PDB file of N, CA and C in Angstrom:
ATOM      1  N   UNK A   1       7.402  24.271  34.383  1.00  0.00           N
ATOM      2  CA  UNK A   1       7.105  25.679  34.296  1.00  0.00           C
ATOM      3  C   UNK A   1       8.417  26.417  34.091  1.00  0.00           C
ATOM      4  N   UNK A   2       8.458  27.258  33.066  1.00  0.00           N
ATOM      5  CA  UNK A   2       9.678  27.971  32.728  1.00  0.00           C
ATOM      6  C   UNK A   2       9.600  29.389  33.275  1.00  0.00           C
ATOM      7  N   UNK A   3      10.339  29.638  34.326  1.00  0.00           N
ATOM      8  CA  UNK A   3      10.377  30.971  34.929  1.00  0.00           C
ATOM      9  C   UNK A   3      11.710  31.610  34.605  1.00  0.00           C
ATOM     10  N   UNK A   4      11.673  32.812  34.101  1.00  0.00           N
ATOM     11  CA  UNK A   4      12.926  33.500  33.822  1.00  0.00           C
ATOM     12  C   UNK A   4      13.116  34.625  34.823  1.00  0.00           C
ATOM     13  N   UNK A   5      14.320  34.954  35.059  1.00  0.00           N
ATOM     14  CA  UNK A   5      14.654  35.982  36.025  1.00  0.00           C
ATOM     15  C   UNK A   5      15.197  37.205  35.301  1.00  0.00           C
ATOM     16  N   UNK A   6      14.432  37.688  34.305  1.00  0.00           N
ATOM     17  CA  UNK A   6      14.860  38.847  33.552  1.00  0.00           C
ATOM     18  C   UNK A   6      14.590  40.106  34.360  1.00  0.00           C
ATOM     19  N   UNK A   7      15.464  41.066  34.225  1.00  0.00           N
ATOM     20  CA  UNK A   7      15.272  42.340  34.918  1.00  0.00           C
ATOM     21  C   UNK A   7      15.184  43.458  33.898  1.00  0.00           C
ATOM     22  N   UNK A   8      14.521  44.521  34.293  1.00  0.00           N
ATOM     23  CA  UNK A   8      14.410  45.700  33.451  1.00  0.00           C
ATOM     24  C   UNK A   8      15.711  46.474  33.535  1.00  0.00           C
ATOM     25  N   UNK A   9      15.937  47.370  32.592  1.00  0.00           N
ATOM     26  CA  UNK A   9      17.130  48.209  32.684  1.00  0.00           C
ATOM     27  C   UNK A   9      17.145  48.966  34.006  1.00  0.00           C
ATOM     28  N   UNK A  10      18.333  49.334  34.440  1.00  0.00           N
ATOM     29  CA  UNK A  10      18.449  49.996  35.739  1.00  0.00           C
ATOM     30  C   UNK A  10      17.654  51.287  35.785  1.00  0.00           C
ATOM     31  N   UNK A  11      17.615  52.021  34.707  1.00  0.00           N
ATOM     32  CA  UNK A  11      16.823  53.241  34.659  1.00  0.00           C
ATOM     33  C   UNK A  11      15.437  52.897  34.134  1.00  0.00           C
ATOM     34  N   UNK A  12      14.468  52.710  35.036  1.00  0.00           N
ATOM     35  CA  UNK A  12      13.140  52.273  34.636  1.00  0.00           C
ATOM     36  C   UNK A  12      12.376  53.350  33.874  1.00  0.00           C
ATOM     37  N   UNK A  13      12.794  54.608  33.992  1.00  0.00           N
ATOM     38  CA  UNK A  13      12.105  55.683  33.296  1.00  0.00           C
ATOM     39  C   UNK A  13      12.637  55.872  31.886  1.00  0.00           C
ATOM     40  N   UNK A  14      13.528  55.020  31.461  1.00  0.00           N
ATOM     41  CA  UNK A  14      14.093  55.126  30.125  1.00  0.00           C
ATOM     42  C   UNK A  14      13.010  54.857  29.084  1.00  0.00           C
ATOM     43  N   UNK A  15      12.852  55.775  28.173  1.00  0.00           N
ATOM     44  CA  UNK A  15      11.817  55.640  27.154  1.00  0.00           C
ATOM     45  C   UNK A  15      12.309  54.736  26.030  1.00  0.00           C
ATOM     46  N   UNK A  16      11.373  54.031  25.416  1.00  0.00           N
ATOM     47  CA  UNK A  16      11.731  53.173  24.301  1.00  0.00           C
ATOM     48  C   UNK A  16      12.010  53.981  23.048  1.00  0.00           C
ATOM     49  N   UNK A  17      11.298  55.095  22.898  1.00  0.00           N
ATOM     50  CA  UNK A  17      11.477  55.934  21.720  1.00  0.00           C
ATOM     51  C   UNK A  17      11.339  57.385  22.141  1.00  0.00           C
ATOM     52  N   UNK A  18      12.324  58.190  21.852  1.00  0.00           N
ATOM     53  CA  UNK A  18      12.277  59.609  22.161  1.00  0.00           C
ATOM     54  C   UNK A  18      12.058  60.395  20.878  1.00  0.00           C
ATOM     55  N   UNK A  19      10.820  60.857  20.658  1.00  0.00           N
ATOM     56  CA  UNK A  19      10.583  61.643  19.439  1.00  0.00           C
ATOM     57  C   UNK A  19      11.270  62.996  19.549  1.00  0.00           C
ATOM     58  N   UNK A  20      11.644  63.570  18.422  1.00  0.00           N
ATOM     59  CA  UNK A  20      12.285  64.880  18.460  1.00  0.00           C
ATOM     60  C   UNK A  20      11.321  65.956  18.963  1.00  0.00           C
ATOM     61  N   UNK A  21      11.894  66.970  19.575  1.00  0.00           N
ATOM     62  CA  UNK A  21      11.089  68.040  20.154  1.00  0.00           C
ATOM     63  C   UNK A  21      10.250  68.749  19.089  1.00  0.00           C
ATOM     64  N   UNK A  22      10.803  68.912  17.899  1.00  0.00           N
ATOM     65  CA  UNK A  22      10.048  69.585  16.830  1.00  0.00           C
ATOM     66  C   UNK A  22       8.791  68.803  16.462  1.00  0.00           C
ATOM     67  N   UNK A  23       8.852  67.487  16.489  1.00  0.00           N
ATOM     68  CA  UNK A  23       7.678  66.668  16.206  1.00  0.00           C
ATOM     69  C   UNK A  23       6.622  66.828  17.294  1.00  0.00           C
ATOM     70  N   UNK A  24       7.056  66.873  18.526  1.00  0.00           N
ATOM     71  CA  UNK A  24       6.121  67.039  19.644  1.00  0.00           C
ATOM     72  C   UNK A  24       5.424  68.397  19.553  1.00  0.00           C
ATOM     73  N   UNK A  25       6.171  69.442  19.257  1.00  0.00           N
ATOM     74  CA  UNK A  25       5.576  70.776  19.124  1.00  0.00           C
ATOM     75  C   UNK A  25       4.616  70.818  17.938  1.00  0.00           C
ATOM     76  N   UNK A  26       5.020  70.234  16.810  1.00  0.00           N
ATOM     77  CA  UNK A  26       4.162  70.213  15.625  1.00  0.00           C
ATOM     78  C   UNK A  26       2.842  69.492  15.914  1.00  0.00           C
ATOM     79  N   UNK A  27       2.916  68.335  16.543  1.00  0.00           N
ATOM     80  CA  UNK A  27       1.689  67.589  16.852  1.00  0.00           C
ATOM     81  C   UNK A  27       0.821  68.323  17.861  1.00  0.00           C
ATOM     82  N   UNK A  28       1.442  69.006  18.805  1.00  0.00           N
ATOM     83  CA  UNK A  28       0.674  69.793  19.772  1.00  0.00           C
ATOM     84  C   UNK A  28      -0.086  70.911  19.080  1.00  0.00           C
ATOM     85  N   UNK A  29       0.566  71.587  18.144  1.00  0.00           N
ATOM     86  CA  UNK A  29      -0.104  72.646  17.393  1.00  0.00           C
ATOM     87  C   UNK A  29      -1.241  72.088  16.537  1.00  0.00           C
ATOM     88  N   UNK A  30      -1.029  70.927  15.947  1.00  0.00           N
ATOM     89  CA  UNK A  30      -2.092  70.295  15.149  1.00  0.00           C
ATOM     90  C   UNK A  30      -3.291  69.937  16.017  1.00  0.00           C
ATOM     91  N   UNK A  31      -3.043  69.307  17.161  1.00  0.00           N
ATOM     92  CA  UNK A  31      -4.140  68.953  18.060  1.00  0.00           C
ATOM     93  C   UNK A  31      -4.873  70.199  18.551  1.00  0.00           C
ATOM     94  N   UNK A  32      -4.122  71.240  18.876  1.00  0.00           N
ATOM     95  CA  UNK A  32      -4.746  72.472  19.349  1.00  0.00           C
ATOM     96  C   UNK A  32      -5.619  73.122  18.297  1.00  0.00           C
ATOM     97  N   UNK A  33      -5.128  73.166  17.059  1.00  0.00           N
ATOM     98  CA  UNK A  33      -5.923  73.785  15.995  1.00  0.00           C
ATOM     99  C   UNK A  33      -7.162  72.947  15.668  1.00  0.00           C
ATOM    100  N   UNK A  34      -7.044  71.640  15.726  1.00  0.00           N
ATOM    101  CA  UNK A  34      -8.211  70.777  15.496  1.00  0.00           C
ATOM    102  C   UNK A  34      -9.249  70.990  16.592  1.00  0.00           C
ATOM    103  N   UNK A  35      -8.790  71.118  17.826  1.00  0.00           N
ATOM    104  CA  UNK A  35      -9.702  71.339  18.941  1.00  0.00           C
ATOM    105  C   UNK A  35     -10.440  72.666  18.791  1.00  0.00           C
ATOM    106  N   UNK A  36      -9.721  73.719  18.452  1.00  0.00           N
ATOM    107  CA  UNK A  36     -10.345  75.034  18.283  1.00  0.00           C
ATOM    108  C   UNK A  36     -11.325  75.015  17.108  1.00  0.00           C
ATOM    109  N   UNK A  37     -10.925  74.405  16.000  1.00  0.00           N
ATOM    110  CA  UNK A  37     -11.807  74.330  14.836  1.00  0.00           C
ATOM    111  C   UNK A  37     -13.073  73.531  15.155  1.00  0.00           C
ATOM    112  N   UNK A  38     -12.950  72.458  15.923  1.00  0.00           N
ATOM    113  CA  UNK A  38     -14.119  71.642  16.272  1.00  0.00           C
ATOM    114  C   UNK A  38     -15.091  72.430  17.141  1.00  0.00           C
ATOM    115  N   UNK A  39     -14.565  73.146  18.111  1.00  0.00           N
ATOM    116  CA  UNK A  39     -15.448  73.898  19.015  1.00  0.00           C
ATOM    117  C   UNK A  39     -16.122  75.050  18.268  1.00  0.00           C
ATOM    118  N   UNK A  40     -15.352  75.812  17.504  1.00  0.00           N
ATOM    119  CA  UNK A  40     -15.918  76.964  16.801  1.00  0.00           C
ATOM    120  C   UNK A  40     -16.902  76.513  15.710  1.00  0.00           C
ATOM    121  N   UNK A  41     -16.511  75.554  14.907  1.00  0.00           N
ATOM    122  CA  UNK A  41     -17.376  75.101  13.821  1.00  0.00           C
ATOM    123  C   UNK A  41     -18.681  74.501  14.308  1.00  0.00           C
ATOM    124  N   UNK A  42     -18.599  73.667  15.306  1.00  0.00           N
ATOM    125  CA  UNK A  42     -19.827  73.049  15.825  1.00  0.00           C
ATOM    126  C   UNK A  42     -20.661  74.050  16.613  1.00  0.00           C
ATOM    127  N   UNK A  43     -19.996  75.022  17.233  1.00  0.00           N
ATOM    128  CA  UNK A  43     -20.745  76.099  17.884  1.00  0.00           C
ATOM    129  C   UNK A  43     -21.544  76.905  16.877  1.00  0.00           C
ATOM    130  N   UNK A  44     -20.963  77.136  15.709  1.00  0.00           N
ATOM    131  CA  UNK A  44     -21.692  77.843  14.648  1.00  0.00           C
ATOM    132  C   UNK A  44     -22.883  77.028  14.150  1.00  0.00           C
ATOM    133  N   UNK A  45     -22.717  75.723  14.044  1.00  0.00           N
ATOM    134  CA  UNK A  45     -23.843  74.872  13.624  1.00  0.00           C
ATOM    135  C   UNK A  45     -24.991  74.986  14.624  1.00  0.00           C
ATOM    136  N   UNK A  46     -24.673  74.917  15.900  1.00  0.00           N
ATOM    137  CA  UNK A  46     -25.713  75.018  16.933  1.00  0.00           C
ATOM    138  C   UNK A  46     -26.343  76.410  16.909  1.00  0.00           C
ATOM    139  N   UNK A  47     -25.521  77.437  16.733  1.00  0.00           N
ATOM    140  CA  UNK A  47     -26.035  78.806  16.693  1.00  0.00           C
ATOM    141  C   UNK A  47     -27.015  79.007  15.532  1.00  0.00           C
ATOM    142  N   UNK A  48     -26.679  78.477  14.358  1.00  0.00           N
ATOM    143  CA  UNK A  48     -27.563  78.615  13.198  1.00  0.00           C
ATOM    144  C   UNK A  48     -28.880  77.901  13.446  1.00  0.00           C
ATOM    145  N   UNK A  49     -28.836  76.721  14.028  1.00  0.00           N
ATOM    146  CA  UNK A  49     -30.070  75.965  14.281  1.00  0.00           C
ATOM    147  C   UNK A  49     -30.935  76.671  15.319  1.00  0.00           C
ATOM    148  N   UNK A  50     -30.315  77.268  16.310  1.00  0.00           N
ATOM    149  CA  UNK A  50     -31.086  77.956  17.359  1.00  0.00           C
ATOM    150  C   UNK A  50     -31.685  79.257  16.844  1.00  0.00           C
ATOM    151  N   UNK A  51     -30.922  80.025  16.075  1.00  0.00           N
ATOM    152  CA  UNK A  51     -31.381  81.361  15.680  1.00  0.00           C
ATOM    153  C   UNK A  51     -32.289  81.359  14.454  1.00  0.00           C
ATOM    154  N   UNK A  52     -32.207  80.375  13.615  1.00  0.00           N
ATOM    155  CA  UNK A  52     -33.023  80.351  12.400  1.00  0.00           C
ATOM    156  C   UNK A  52     -34.272  79.508  12.628  1.00  0.00           C
ATOM    157  N   UNK A  53     -35.406  80.156  12.514  1.00  0.00           N
ATOM    158  CA  UNK A  53     -36.678  79.466  12.742  1.00  0.00           C
ATOM    159  C   UNK A  53     -36.892  78.348  11.719  1.00  0.00           C
ATOM    160  N   UNK A  54     -36.439  78.575  10.503  1.00  0.00           N
ATOM    161  CA  UNK A  54     -36.625  77.598   9.431  1.00  0.00           C
ATOM    162  C   UNK A  54     -35.795  76.327   9.651  1.00  0.00           C
ATOM    163  N   UNK A  55     -34.733  76.418  10.428  1.00  0.00           N
ATOM    164  CA  UNK A  55     -33.835  75.277  10.646  1.00  0.00           C
ATOM    165  C   UNK A  55     -34.284  74.385  11.805  1.00  0.00           C
ATOM    166  N   UNK A  56     -35.342  74.748  12.471  1.00  0.00           N
ATOM    167  CA  UNK A  56     -35.799  73.978  13.634  1.00  0.00           C
ATOM    168  C   UNK A  56     -36.709  72.834  13.202  1.00  0.00           C
ATOM    169  N   UNK A  57     -36.088  71.688  12.972  1.00  0.00           N
ATOM    170  CA  UNK A  57     -36.853  70.466  12.703  1.00  0.00           C
ATOM    171  C   UNK A  57     -36.113  69.299  13.359  1.00  0.00           C
ATOM    172  N   UNK A  58     -36.715  68.159  13.331  1.00  0.00           N
ATOM    173  CA  UNK A  58     -36.172  67.010  14.052  1.00  0.00           C
ATOM    174  C   UNK A  58     -34.783  66.637  13.551  1.00  0.00           C
ATOM    175  N   UNK A  59     -34.581  66.656  12.255  1.00  0.00           N
ATOM    176  CA  UNK A  59     -33.279  66.288  11.692  1.00  0.00           C
ATOM    177  C   UNK A  59     -32.189  67.253  12.139  1.00  0.00           C
ATOM    178  N   UNK A  60     -32.496  68.538  12.112  1.00  0.00           N
ATOM    179  CA  UNK A  60     -31.492  69.505  12.518  1.00  0.00           C
ATOM    180  C   UNK A  60     -31.247  69.479  14.035  1.00  0.00           C
ATOM    181  N   UNK A  61     -32.246  69.132  14.816  1.00  0.00           N
ATOM    182  CA  UNK A  61     -32.002  68.949  16.258  1.00  0.00           C
ATOM    183  C   UNK A  61     -31.042  67.784  16.485  1.00  0.00           C
ATOM    184  N   UNK A  62     -31.184  66.754  15.689  1.00  0.00           N
ATOM    185  CA  UNK A  62     -30.254  65.620  15.770  1.00  0.00           C
ATOM    186  C   UNK A  62     -28.842  66.067  15.395  1.00  0.00           C
ATOM    187  N   UNK A  63     -28.725  66.873  14.352  1.00  0.00           N
ATOM    188  CA  UNK A  63     -27.416  67.392  13.950  1.00  0.00           C
ATOM    189  C   UNK A  63     -26.835  68.281  15.043  1.00  0.00           C
ATOM    190  N   UNK A  64     -27.689  69.092  15.686  1.00  0.00           N
ATOM    191  CA  UNK A  64     -27.218  69.941  16.783  1.00  0.00           C
ATOM    192  C   UNK A  64     -26.744  69.095  17.961  1.00  0.00           C
ATOM    193  N   UNK A  65     -27.425  67.998  18.217  1.00  0.00           N
ATOM    194  CA  UNK A  65     -27.007  67.092  19.282  1.00  0.00           C
ATOM    195  C   UNK A  65     -25.642  66.485  18.970  1.00  0.00           C
ATOM    196  N   UNK A  66     -25.412  66.086  17.720  1.00  0.00           N
ATOM    197  CA  UNK A  66     -24.104  65.562  17.314  1.00  0.00           C
ATOM    198  C   UNK A  66     -23.033  66.641  17.416  1.00  0.00           C
ATOM    199  N   UNK A  67     -23.389  67.875  17.061  1.00  0.00           N
ATOM    200  CA  UNK A  67     -22.443  68.984  17.165  1.00  0.00           C
ATOM    201  C   UNK A  67     -22.073  69.241  18.628  1.00  0.00           C
ATOM    202  N   UNK A  68     -23.036  69.135  19.515  1.00  0.00           N
ATOM    203  CA  UNK A  68     -22.749  69.307  20.943  1.00  0.00           C
ATOM    204  C   UNK A  68     -21.817  68.209  21.455  1.00  0.00           C
ATOM    205  N   UNK A  69     -22.043  66.991  21.014  1.00  0.00           N
ATOM    206  CA  UNK A  69     -21.148  65.895  21.406  1.00  0.00           C
ATOM    207  C   UNK A  69     -19.741  66.126  20.876  1.00  0.00           C
ATOM    208  N   UNK A  70     -19.639  66.653  19.670  1.00  0.00           N
ATOM    209  CA  UNK A  70     -18.328  66.940  19.095  1.00  0.00           C
ATOM    210  C   UNK A  70     -17.643  68.087  19.830  1.00  0.00           C
ATOM    211  N   UNK A  71     -18.408  69.069  20.304  1.00  0.00           N
ATOM    212  CA  UNK A  71     -17.832  70.146  21.121  1.00  0.00           C
ATOM    213  C   UNK A  71     -17.252  69.578  22.408  1.00  0.00           C
ATOM    214  N   UNK A  72     -17.965  68.660  23.020  1.00  0.00           N
ATOM    215  CA  UNK A  72     -17.470  68.048  24.263  1.00  0.00           C
ATOM    216  C   UNK A  72     -16.158  67.302  23.999  1.00  0.00           C
ATOM    217  N   UNK A  73     -16.070  66.598  22.886  1.00  0.00           N
ATOM    218  CA  UNK A  73     -14.818  65.915  22.523  1.00  0.00           C
ATOM    219  C   UNK A  73     -13.718  66.941  22.303  1.00  0.00           C
ATOM    220  N   UNK A  74     -14.034  68.023  21.609  1.00  0.00           N
ATOM    221  CA  UNK A  74     -13.045  69.056  21.346  1.00  0.00           C
ATOM    222  C   UNK A  74     -12.574  69.764  22.598  1.00  0.00           C
ATOM    223  N   UNK A  75     -13.450  69.870  23.590  1.00  0.00           N
ATOM    224  CA  UNK A  75     -13.078  70.556  24.833  1.00  0.00           C
ATOM    225  C   UNK A  75     -12.362  69.653  25.832  1.00  0.00           C
ATOM    226  N   UNK A  76     -12.700  68.389  25.855  1.00  0.00           N
ATOM    227  CA  UNK A  76     -12.167  67.537  26.910  1.00  0.00           C
ATOM    228  C   UNK A  76     -11.189  66.460  26.440  1.00  0.00           C
ATOM    229  N   UNK A  77     -11.430  65.815  25.327  1.00  0.00           N
ATOM    230  CA  UNK A  77     -10.558  64.714  24.911  1.00  0.00           C
ATOM    231  C   UNK A  77      -9.287  65.202  24.227  1.00  0.00           C
ATOM    232  N   UNK A  78      -9.417  66.109  23.287  1.00  0.00           N
ATOM    233  CA  UNK A  78      -8.244  66.556  22.526  1.00  0.00           C
ATOM    234  C   UNK A  78      -7.250  67.312  23.403  1.00  0.00           C
ATOM    235  N   UNK A  79      -7.678  68.218  24.292  1.00  0.00           N
ATOM    236  CA  UNK A  79      -6.674  68.899  25.138  1.00  0.00           C
ATOM    237  C   UNK A  79      -5.890  67.955  26.054  1.00  0.00           C
ATOM    238  N   UNK A  80      -6.478  66.842  26.439  1.00  0.00           N
ATOM    239  CA  UNK A  80      -5.717  65.895  27.257  1.00  0.00           C
ATOM    240  C   UNK A  80      -4.585  65.266  26.461  1.00  0.00           C
ATOM    241  N   UNK A  81      -4.788  65.090  25.169  1.00  0.00           N
ATOM    242  CA  UNK A  81      -3.698  64.614  24.315  1.00  0.00           C
ATOM    243  C   UNK A  81      -2.572  65.639  24.284  1.00  0.00           C
ATOM    244  N   UNK A  82      -2.930  66.907  24.198  1.00  0.00           N
ATOM    245  CA  UNK A  82      -1.919  67.972  24.191  1.00  0.00           C
ATOM    246  C   UNK A  82      -1.201  68.016  25.527  1.00  0.00           C
ATOM    247  N   UNK A  83      -1.924  67.779  26.617  1.00  0.00           N
ATOM    248  CA  UNK A  83      -1.277  67.805  27.930  1.00  0.00           C
ATOM    249  C   UNK A  83      -0.275  66.667  28.078  1.00  0.00           C
ATOM    250  N   UNK A  84      -0.532  65.544  27.439  1.00  0.00           N
ATOM    251  CA  UNK A  84       0.460  64.466  27.458  1.00  0.00           C
ATOM    252  C   UNK A  84       1.750  64.907  26.790  1.00  0.00           C
ATOM    253  N   UNK A  85       1.617  65.625  25.670  1.00  0.00           N
ATOM    254  CA  UNK A  85       2.804  66.141  25.004  1.00  0.00           C
ATOM    255  C   UNK A  85       3.520  67.150  25.891  1.00  0.00           C
ATOM    256  N   UNK A  86       2.753  67.995  26.593  1.00  0.00           N
ATOM    257  CA  UNK A  86       3.361  68.999  27.464  1.00  0.00           C
ATOM    258  C   UNK A  86       4.120  68.346  28.608  1.00  0.00           C
ATOM    259  N   UNK A  87       3.561  67.283  29.168  1.00  0.00           N
ATOM    260  CA  UNK A  87       4.248  66.564  30.241  1.00  0.00           C
ATOM    261  C   UNK A  87       5.524  65.959  29.700  1.00  0.00           C
ATOM    262  N   UNK A  88       5.451  65.407  28.494  1.00  0.00           N
ATOM    263  CA  UNK A  88       6.644  64.822  27.893  1.00  0.00           C
ATOM    264  C   UNK A  88       7.724  65.880  27.674  1.00  0.00           C
ATOM    265  N   UNK A  89       7.312  67.055  27.171  1.00  0.00           N
ATOM    266  CA  UNK A  89       8.281  68.124  26.920  1.00  0.00           C
ATOM    267  C   UNK A  89       8.942  68.548  28.231  1.00  0.00           C
ATOM    268  N   UNK A  90       8.160  68.642  29.308  1.00  0.00           N
ATOM    269  CA  UNK A  90       8.741  69.079  30.586  1.00  0.00           C
ATOM    270  C   UNK A  90       9.753  68.070  31.110  1.00  0.00           C
ATOM    271  N   UNK A  91       9.618  66.799  30.751  1.00  0.00           N
ATOM    272  CA  UNK A  91      10.584  65.778  31.197  1.00  0.00           C
ATOM    273  C   UNK A  91      11.868  65.834  30.396  1.00  0.00           C
ATOM    274  N   UNK A  92      11.793  66.251  29.133  1.00  0.00           N
ATOM    275  CA  UNK A  92      13.017  66.248  28.329  1.00  0.00           C
ATOM    276  C   UNK A  92      13.756  67.562  28.381  1.00  0.00           C
ATOM    277  N   UNK A  93      13.100  68.632  28.855  1.00  0.00           N
ATOM    278  CA  UNK A  93      13.792  69.922  28.929  1.00  0.00           C
ATOM    279  C   UNK A  93      14.454  70.124  30.238  1.00  0.00           C
TER     280      UNK A  93
END
């Protein structure tokens, strides 16, 4: 059995790759705009299906259900990605 006694660098919090701050800000803005567009756009789809009597059929209810799922992703999953960037920024500043 080959056991090695390798140790990590003394500073365990040392990052393998430090992206530039401008890249982090740019990606945060992109994620934020995608999140807002997803919530607003899918909210409009649901609003049209609810308010228009002609749009109320099984297929459009399915589309509204998909739009609701996409709103949930836009509200909960994408902002957590942005919060990771914010935590990273607070460590480098």
